[in-house]
Amino acid sequence: MTLADKINQFNENLKLDISLQKGLEVMNPFTEEIVKELARKFYNKYYLDHRSRKLLLGINPGRFGAGVTGIPFTDPVKLQENCGIENPYKKSREASADFIYDMINAFGGPDLFYSKYFIHAVCPLGFLKDDLNYNYYDDPKLEKQVTPFIIESIKTIIGFGMDTSVCYCLGNGKNFKFLNKLNKEQKFFDEVVALPHPRWVVQYRRKRYNEFVGLYLEKLV
């Protein structure tokens, strides 16, 4: 099996069986055939080989990016314009995807970037509360509930043949605190390096946008 085969199989079998509090729901785009089809095209384009990659892990899928396309930090606009994969979705943009693809383009473009790195999420499935994004760490009970799922997911992804010398954590606050603690217990990676989350950069440090793109390029080795 190629790396693409393993990723596609993993994504298409994602399932989270937990009892959620009222108003909270799991967001799993892979229940839709069109998402499976588009994600296969993406991963077959960039990962149809047996090479090892370093991991970048975000928080969990958001409703305008991976929650739509199934591909982390890749909204319908980036999927079509940057990756050349046409899709039927309304061409809405995700702020985090804007940053990630500006960084990827500065790195040398999707072909080069994805030949070296694999982006996914600490928690591979996202959550909605009152139709808004909800992070796995926003509620202590939810965090505890999904921890076994997160551990199994990271183990599975590493088992694809990932380079475990370093993992880049997108989000240097609660996401990093959780992943770093988990890594000390589970020993997934030799090191976890925190990077500011793209959403935080766009929302709170917009004037220093290019500086943070540069920071990513500096840290990604």
C-alpha atoms as a PDB file:
ATOM      1  CA  MET A   1       0.000   0.000   0.000  1.00  0.00           C
ATOM      2  CA  THR A   2       1.183   3.506  -0.768  1.00  0.00           C
ATOM      3  CA  LEU A   3       1.044   6.270   1.805  1.00  0.00           C
ATOM      4  CA  ALA A   4      -1.997   7.639  -0.047  1.00  0.00           C
ATOM      5  CA  ASP A   5      -3.781   4.297   0.320  1.00  0.00           C
ATOM      6  CA  LYS A   6      -3.124   4.253   4.061  1.00  0.00           C
ATOM      7  CA  ILE A   7      -4.286   7.843   4.551  1.00  0.00           C
ATOM      8  CA  ASN A   8      -7.457   7.328   2.524  1.00  0.00           C
ATOM      9  CA  GLN A   9      -8.296   4.135   4.389  1.00  0.00           C
ATOM     10  CA  PHE A  10      -7.718   5.848   7.731  1.00  0.00           C
ATOM     11  CA  ASN A  11      -9.872   8.872   6.868  1.00  0.00           C
ATOM     12  CA  GLU A  12     -12.727   6.836   5.446  1.00  0.00           C
ATOM     13  CA  ASN A  13     -12.913   4.660   8.559  1.00  0.00           C
ATOM     14  CA  LEU A  14     -12.909   7.467  11.108  1.00  0.00           C
ATOM     15  CA  LYS A  15     -15.585   6.937  13.725  1.00  0.00           C
ATOM     16  CA  LEU A  16     -16.111   8.324  17.196  1.00  0.00           C
ATOM     17  CA  ASP A  17     -18.580   6.527  19.432  1.00  0.00           C
ATOM     18  CA  ILE A  18     -19.014   8.679  22.505  1.00  0.00           C
ATOM     19  CA  SER A  19     -22.025  10.166  24.246  1.00  0.00           C
ATOM     20  CA  LEU A  20     -21.892  13.920  23.675  1.00  0.00           C
ATOM     21  CA  GLN A  21     -23.439  16.624  25.822  1.00  0.00           C
ATOM     22  CA  LYS A  22     -26.577  18.306  24.517  1.00  0.00           C
ATOM     23  CA  GLY A  23     -25.964  20.726  21.652  1.00  0.00           C
ATOM     24  CA  LEU A  24     -22.628  19.177  20.692  1.00  0.00           C
ATOM     25  CA  GLU A  25     -22.162  17.101  17.549  1.00  0.00           C
ATOM     26  CA  VAL A  26     -19.325  15.325  15.757  1.00  0.00           C
ATOM     27  CA  MET A  27     -18.360  16.699  12.368  1.00  0.00           C
ATOM     28  CA  ASN A  28     -17.312  13.859  10.059  1.00  0.00           C
ATOM     29  CA  PRO A  29     -17.141  14.922   6.395  1.00  0.00           C
ATOM     30  CA  PHE A  30     -16.187  11.395   5.322  1.00  0.00           C
ATOM     31  CA  THR A  31     -19.780  10.256   5.614  1.00  0.00           C
ATOM     32  CA  GLU A  32     -20.238  11.960   2.225  1.00  0.00           C
ATOM     33  CA  GLU A  33     -19.088  10.186  -0.948  1.00  0.00           C
ATOM     34  CA  ILE A  34     -18.018  13.429  -2.628  1.00  0.00           C
ATOM     35  CA  VAL A  35     -15.602  14.132   0.243  1.00  0.00           C
ATOM     36  CA  LYS A  36     -14.098  10.659  -0.059  1.00  0.00           C
ATOM     37  CA  GLU A  37     -13.680  11.185  -3.795  1.00  0.00           C
ATOM     38  CA  LEU A  38     -12.028  14.609  -3.476  1.00  0.00           C
ATOM     39  CA  ALA A  39      -9.759  13.526  -0.614  1.00  0.00           C
ATOM     40  CA  ARG A  40      -8.636  10.495  -2.627  1.00  0.00           C
ATOM     41  CA  LYS A  41      -7.735  12.789  -5.534  1.00  0.00           C
ATOM     42  CA  PHE A  42      -5.731  15.032  -3.199  1.00  0.00           C
ATOM     43  CA  TYR A  43      -3.834  12.280  -1.409  1.00  0.00           C
ATOM     44  CA  ASN A  44      -3.271  10.289  -4.595  1.00  0.00           C
ATOM     45  CA  LYS A  45      -1.788  13.428  -6.130  1.00  0.00           C
ATOM     46  CA  TYR A  46       0.672  14.195  -3.346  1.00  0.00           C
ATOM     47  CA  TYR A  47       1.211  10.956  -1.407  1.00  0.00           C
ATOM     48  CA  LEU A  48       1.211   8.158  -3.980  1.00  0.00           C
ATOM     49  CA  ASP A  49       4.594   6.860  -2.809  1.00  0.00           C
ATOM     50  CA  HIS A  50       6.304   5.225   0.155  1.00  0.00           C
ATOM     51  CA  ARG A  51       8.364   8.171   1.444  1.00  0.00           C
ATOM     52  CA  SER A  52       8.351   9.214   5.080  1.00  0.00           C
ATOM     53  CA  ARG A  53       6.994  12.638   6.075  1.00  0.00           C
ATOM     54  CA  LYS A  54       7.147  14.843   9.131  1.00  0.00           C
ATOM     55  CA  LEU A  55       3.842  15.593  10.827  1.00  0.00           C
ATOM     56  CA  LEU A  56       2.087  18.893  11.395  1.00  0.00           C
ATOM     57  CA  LEU A  57      -0.897  18.477  13.713  1.00  0.00           C
ATOM     58  CA  GLY A  58      -3.630  21.087  14.035  1.00  0.00           C
ATOM     59  CA  ILE A  59      -6.411  21.035  16.619  1.00  0.00           C
ATOM     60  CA  ASN A  60      -9.419  19.425  14.922  1.00  0.00           C
ATOM     61  CA  PRO A  61     -11.199  20.027  11.599  1.00  0.00           C
ATOM     62  CA  GLY A  62     -13.030  23.330  11.170  1.00  0.00           C
ATOM     63  CA  ARG A  63     -16.339  23.773   9.406  1.00  0.00           C
ATOM     64  CA  PHE A  64     -14.956  25.838   6.498  1.00  0.00           C
ATOM     65  CA  GLY A  65     -11.821  23.798   5.760  1.00  0.00           C
ATOM     66  CA  ALA A  66     -11.400  20.110   6.523  1.00  0.00           C
ATOM     67  CA  GLY A  67     -15.014  19.997   7.676  1.00  0.00           C
ATOM     68  CA  VAL A  68     -15.984  20.596   4.051  1.00  0.00           C
ATOM     69  CA  THR A  69     -13.194  19.043   1.961  1.00  0.00           C
ATOM     70  CA  GLY A  70     -11.859  16.416   4.374  1.00  0.00           C
ATOM     71  CA  ILE A  71      -8.355  17.857   3.915  1.00  0.00           C
ATOM     72  CA  PRO A  72      -6.804  19.806   6.826  1.00  0.00           C
ATOM     73  CA  PHE A  73      -6.387  23.552   6.240  1.00  0.00           C
ATOM     74  CA  THR A  74      -7.634  23.162   2.666  1.00  0.00           C
ATOM     75  CA  ASP A  75     -10.848  24.987   1.832  1.00  0.00           C
ATOM     76  CA  PRO A  76     -12.690  24.611  -1.509  1.00  0.00           C
ATOM     77  CA  VAL A  77     -10.782  27.599  -2.943  1.00  0.00           C
ATOM     78  CA  LYS A  78      -7.328  26.186  -2.118  1.00  0.00           C
ATOM     79  CA  LEU A  79      -8.334  22.727  -3.283  1.00  0.00           C
ATOM     80  CA  GLN A  80      -9.194  24.096  -6.710  1.00  0.00           C
ATOM     81  CA  GLU A  81      -6.792  27.010  -7.199  1.00  0.00           C
ATOM     82  CA  ASN A  82      -3.687  25.725  -5.406  1.00  0.00           C
ATOM     83  CA  CYS A  83      -4.055  21.976  -5.797  1.00  0.00           C
ATOM     84  CA  GLY A  84      -5.803  21.890  -9.175  1.00  0.00           C
ATOM     85  CA  ILE A  85      -8.676  19.732  -7.932  1.00  0.00           C
ATOM     86  CA  GLU A  86     -12.059  20.988  -9.096  1.00  0.00           C
ATOM     87  CA  ASN A  87     -14.904  20.653  -6.615  1.00  0.00           C
ATOM     88  CA  PRO A  88     -18.615  21.505  -6.514  1.00  0.00           C
ATOM     89  CA  TYR A  89     -18.555  23.407  -3.241  1.00  0.00           C
ATOM     90  CA  LYS A  90     -19.324  27.077  -2.760  1.00  0.00           C
ATOM     91  CA  LYS A  91     -15.926  28.744  -2.961  1.00  0.00           C
ATOM     92  CA  SER A  92     -15.798  29.947   0.627  1.00  0.00           C
ATOM     93  CA  ARG A  93     -12.450  30.679   2.225  1.00  0.00           C
ATOM     94  CA  GLU A  94     -11.031  29.663   5.584  1.00  0.00           C
ATOM     95  CA  ALA A  95      -8.672  32.156   7.231  1.00  0.00           C
ATOM     96  CA  SER A  96      -6.371  29.387   8.470  1.00  0.00           C
ATOM     97  CA  ALA A  97      -6.210  27.890   4.981  1.00  0.00           C
ATOM     98  CA  ASP A  98      -5.183  31.275   3.565  1.00  0.00           C
ATOM     99  CA  PHE A  99      -2.214  31.361   5.930  1.00  0.00           C
ATOM    100  CA  ILE A 100      -1.198  27.732   5.420  1.00  0.00           C
ATOM    101  CA  TYR A 101      -1.199  28.022   1.638  1.00  0.00           C
ATOM    102  CA  ASP A 102       0.688  31.331   1.712  1.00  0.00           C
ATOM    103  CA  MET A 103       3.276  29.476   3.787  1.00  0.00           C
ATOM    104  CA  ILE A 104       3.221  26.463   1.437  1.00  0.00           C
ATOM    105  CA  ASN A 105       3.701  28.715  -1.592  1.00  0.00           C
ATOM    106  CA  ALA A 106       6.598  30.496   0.135  1.00  0.00           C
ATOM    107  CA  PHE A 107       8.076  27.071   0.901  1.00  0.00           C
ATOM    108  CA  GLY A 108       8.072  26.193  -2.795  1.00  0.00           C
ATOM    109  CA  GLY A 109       4.522  25.088  -3.553  1.00  0.00           C
ATOM    110  CA  PRO A 110       2.254  22.130  -2.733  1.00  0.00           C
ATOM    111  CA  ASP A 111       4.298  19.519  -4.634  1.00  0.00           C
ATOM    112  CA  LEU A 112       7.462  20.260  -2.671  1.00  0.00           C
ATOM    113  CA  PHE A 113       5.763  20.854   0.669  1.00  0.00           C
ATOM    114  CA  TYR A 114       3.616  17.737   0.640  1.00  0.00           C
ATOM    115  CA  SER A 115       6.596  15.629  -0.452  1.00  0.00           C
ATOM    116  CA  LYS A 116       8.118  16.414   2.945  1.00  0.00           C
ATOM    117  CA  TYR A 117       5.178  16.992   5.294  1.00  0.00           C
ATOM    118  CA  PHE A 118       1.785  15.562   6.199  1.00  0.00           C
ATOM    119  CA  ILE A 119      -0.806  17.785   7.859  1.00  0.00           C
ATOM    120  CA  HIS A 120      -3.522  16.316  10.032  1.00  0.00           C
ATOM    121  CA  ALA A 121      -5.046  17.101  13.439  1.00  0.00           C
ATOM    122  CA  VAL A 122      -4.541  16.047  17.037  1.00  0.00           C
ATOM    123  CA  CYS A 123      -8.213  15.066  16.991  1.00  0.00           C
ATOM    124  CA  PRO A 124      -9.041  13.905  13.435  1.00  0.00           C
ATOM    125  CA  LEU A 125     -12.756  14.645  13.782  1.00  0.00           C
ATOM    126  CA  GLY A 126     -14.157  18.075  14.569  1.00  0.00           C
ATOM    127  CA  PHE A 127     -17.056  19.263  16.682  1.00  0.00           C
ATOM    128  CA  LEU A 128     -19.877  21.762  16.391  1.00  0.00           C
ATOM    129  CA  LYS A 129     -21.809  23.459  19.153  1.00  0.00           C
ATOM    130  CA  ASP A 130     -24.762  25.582  18.070  1.00  0.00           C
ATOM    131  CA  ASP A 131     -23.395  25.338  14.511  1.00  0.00           C
ATOM    132  CA  LEU A 132     -20.048  26.874  15.514  1.00  0.00           C
ATOM    133  CA  ASN A 133     -16.601  25.273  15.678  1.00  0.00           C
ATOM    134  CA  TYR A 134     -15.852  23.642  19.019  1.00  0.00           C
ATOM    135  CA  ASN A 135     -12.410  22.347  19.974  1.00  0.00           C
ATOM    136  CA  TYR A 136     -11.749  19.046  21.722  1.00  0.00           C
ATOM    137  CA  TYR A 137     -10.111  20.904  24.642  1.00  0.00           C
ATOM    138  CA  ASP A 138     -12.939  23.434  25.120  1.00  0.00           C
ATOM    139  CA  ASP A 139     -14.609  21.122  27.622  1.00  0.00           C
ATOM    140  CA  PRO A 140     -12.645  18.939  30.098  1.00  0.00           C
ATOM    141  CA  LYS A 141     -15.193  16.124  29.808  1.00  0.00           C
ATOM    142  CA  LEU A 142     -14.950  16.066  26.012  1.00  0.00           C
ATOM    143  CA  GLU A 143     -11.150  16.171  26.149  1.00  0.00           C
ATOM    144  CA  LYS A 144     -11.147  13.153  28.458  1.00  0.00           C
ATOM    145  CA  GLN A 145     -13.668  11.323  26.264  1.00  0.00           C
ATOM    146  CA  VAL A 146     -11.690  11.759  23.042  1.00  0.00           C
ATOM    147  CA  THR A 147      -8.208  11.100  24.471  1.00  0.00           C
ATOM    148  CA  PRO A 148      -8.265   7.328  23.703  1.00  0.00           C
ATOM    149  CA  PHE A 149      -9.428   8.141  20.146  1.00  0.00           C
ATOM    150  CA  ILE A 150      -6.613  10.687  19.777  1.00  0.00           C
ATOM    151  CA  ILE A 151      -3.983   8.231  21.030  1.00  0.00           C
ATOM    152  CA  GLU A 152      -5.128   5.512  18.634  1.00  0.00           C
ATOM    153  CA  SER A 153      -5.279   7.950  15.734  1.00  0.00           C
ATOM    154  CA  ILE A 154      -1.749   9.276  16.287  1.00  0.00           C
ATOM    155  CA  LYS A 155      -0.417   5.725  16.654  1.00  0.00           C
ATOM    156  CA  THR A 156      -2.105   4.756  13.391  1.00  0.00           C
ATOM    157  CA  ILE A 157      -0.731   7.779  11.522  1.00  0.00           C
ATOM    158  CA  ILE A 158       2.782   7.157  12.844  1.00  0.00           C
ATOM    159  CA  GLY A 159       2.381   3.562  11.688  1.00  0.00           C
ATOM    160  CA  PHE A 160       2.129   4.830   8.110  1.00  0.00           C
ATOM    161  CA  GLY A 161       5.899   5.324   8.300  1.00  0.00           C
ATOM    162  CA  MET A 162       6.051   8.920   9.499  1.00  0.00           C
ATOM    163  CA  ASP A 163       9.291  10.567  10.599  1.00  0.00           C
ATOM    164  CA  THR A 164       8.942  10.710  14.391  1.00  0.00           C
ATOM    165  CA  SER A 165      12.036  12.822  15.080  1.00  0.00           C
ATOM    166  CA  VAL A 166       9.788  15.868  15.411  1.00  0.00           C
ATOM    167  CA  CYS A 167       6.106  16.807  15.296  1.00  0.00           C
ATOM    168  CA  TYR A 168       4.960  20.363  14.656  1.00  0.00           C
ATOM    169  CA  CYS A 169       1.969  21.356  16.764  1.00  0.00           C
ATOM    170  CA  LEU A 170      -0.185  24.090  15.236  1.00  0.00           C
ATOM    171  CA  GLY A 171      -1.363  26.013  18.256  1.00  0.00           C
ATOM    172  CA  ASN A 172       1.099  26.927  21.001  1.00  0.00           C
ATOM    173  CA  GLY A 173      -1.512  27.198  23.751  1.00  0.00           C
ATOM    174  CA  LYS A 174      -3.939  24.484  24.828  1.00  0.00           C
ATOM    175  CA  ASN A 175      -3.300  22.265  21.797  1.00  0.00           C
ATOM    176  CA  PHE A 176       0.440  22.213  22.485  1.00  0.00           C
ATOM    177  CA  LYS A 177      -0.067  21.709  26.217  1.00  0.00           C
ATOM    178  CA  PHE A 178      -2.282  18.680  25.546  1.00  0.00           C
ATOM    179  CA  LEU A 179      -0.117  17.137  22.813  1.00  0.00           C
ATOM    180  CA  ASN A 180       3.158  17.727  24.635  1.00  0.00           C
ATOM    181  CA  LYS A 181       1.814  16.088  27.809  1.00  0.00           C
ATOM    182  CA  LEU A 182       0.444  13.169  25.793  1.00  0.00           C
ATOM    183  CA  ASN A 183       3.761  12.797  23.995  1.00  0.00           C
ATOM    184  CA  LYS A 184       5.654  12.576  27.282  1.00  0.00           C
ATOM    185  CA  GLU A 185       3.354   9.723  28.303  1.00  0.00           C
ATOM    186  CA  GLN A 186       3.130   7.900  24.971  1.00  0.00           C
ATOM    187  CA  LYS A 187       6.550   8.790  23.495  1.00  0.00           C
ATOM    188  CA  PHE A 188       5.178   9.312  19.977  1.00  0.00           C
ATOM    189  CA  PHE A 189       7.874  11.779  18.898  1.00  0.00           C
ATOM    190  CA  ASP A 190      11.381  12.748  19.965  1.00  0.00           C
ATOM    191  CA  GLU A 191      10.250  16.357  20.126  1.00  0.00           C
ATOM    192  CA  VAL A 192       7.075  18.424  19.760  1.00  0.00           C
ATOM    193  CA  VAL A 193       7.651  21.916  18.362  1.00  0.00           C
ATOM    194  CA  ALA A 194       4.903  24.493  18.878  1.00  0.00           C
ATOM    195  CA  LEU A 195       3.920  26.916  16.125  1.00  0.00           C
ATOM    196  CA  PRO A 196       1.334  29.718  16.425  1.00  0.00           C
ATOM    197  CA  HIS A 197      -2.020  28.568  15.101  1.00  0.00           C
ATOM    198  CA  PRO A 198      -2.838  30.104  11.692  1.00  0.00           C
ATOM    199  CA  ARG A 199      -6.211  31.315  12.950  1.00  0.00           C
ATOM    200  CA  TRP A 200      -4.525  33.170  15.833  1.00  0.00           C
ATOM    201  CA  VAL A 201      -2.064  34.803  13.447  1.00  0.00           C
ATOM    202  CA  VAL A 202      -4.823  35.973  11.103  1.00  0.00           C
ATOM    203  CA  GLN A 203      -7.118  37.159  13.887  1.00  0.00           C
ATOM    204  CA  TYR A 204      -4.696  38.716  16.364  1.00  0.00           C
ATOM    205  CA  ARG A 205      -1.367  39.340  14.600  1.00  0.00           C
ATOM    206  CA  ARG A 206      -2.453  40.336  11.112  1.00  0.00           C
ATOM    207  CA  LYS A 207       0.111  43.144  10.838  1.00  0.00           C
ATOM    208  CA  ARG A 208       2.904  40.597  11.450  1.00  0.00           C
ATOM    209  CA  TYR A 209       1.459  38.034   9.018  1.00  0.00           C
ATOM    210  CA  ASN A 210       4.574  37.729   6.841  1.00  0.00           C
ATOM    211  CA  GLU A 211       6.754  37.470   9.924  1.00  0.00           C
ATOM    212  CA  PHE A 212       4.819  34.396  11.049  1.00  0.00           C
ATOM    213  CA  VAL A 213       5.006  32.843   7.577  1.00  0.00           C
ATOM    214  CA  GLY A 214       8.763  33.287   7.935  1.00  0.00           C
ATOM    215  CA  LEU A 215       8.691  31.712  11.400  1.00  0.00           C
ATOM    216  CA  TYR A 216       7.045  28.592   9.980  1.00  0.00           C
ATOM    217  CA  LEU A 217       9.655  28.354   7.224  1.00  0.00           C
ATOM    218  CA  GLU A 218      12.421  28.790   9.785  1.00  0.00           C
ATOM    219  CA  LYS A 219      11.079  26.070  12.094  1.00  0.00           C
ATOM    220  CA  LEU A 220      10.206  23.506   9.412  1.00  0.00           C
ATOM    221  CA  VAL A 221      13.425  21.554   8.901  1.00  0.00           C
END
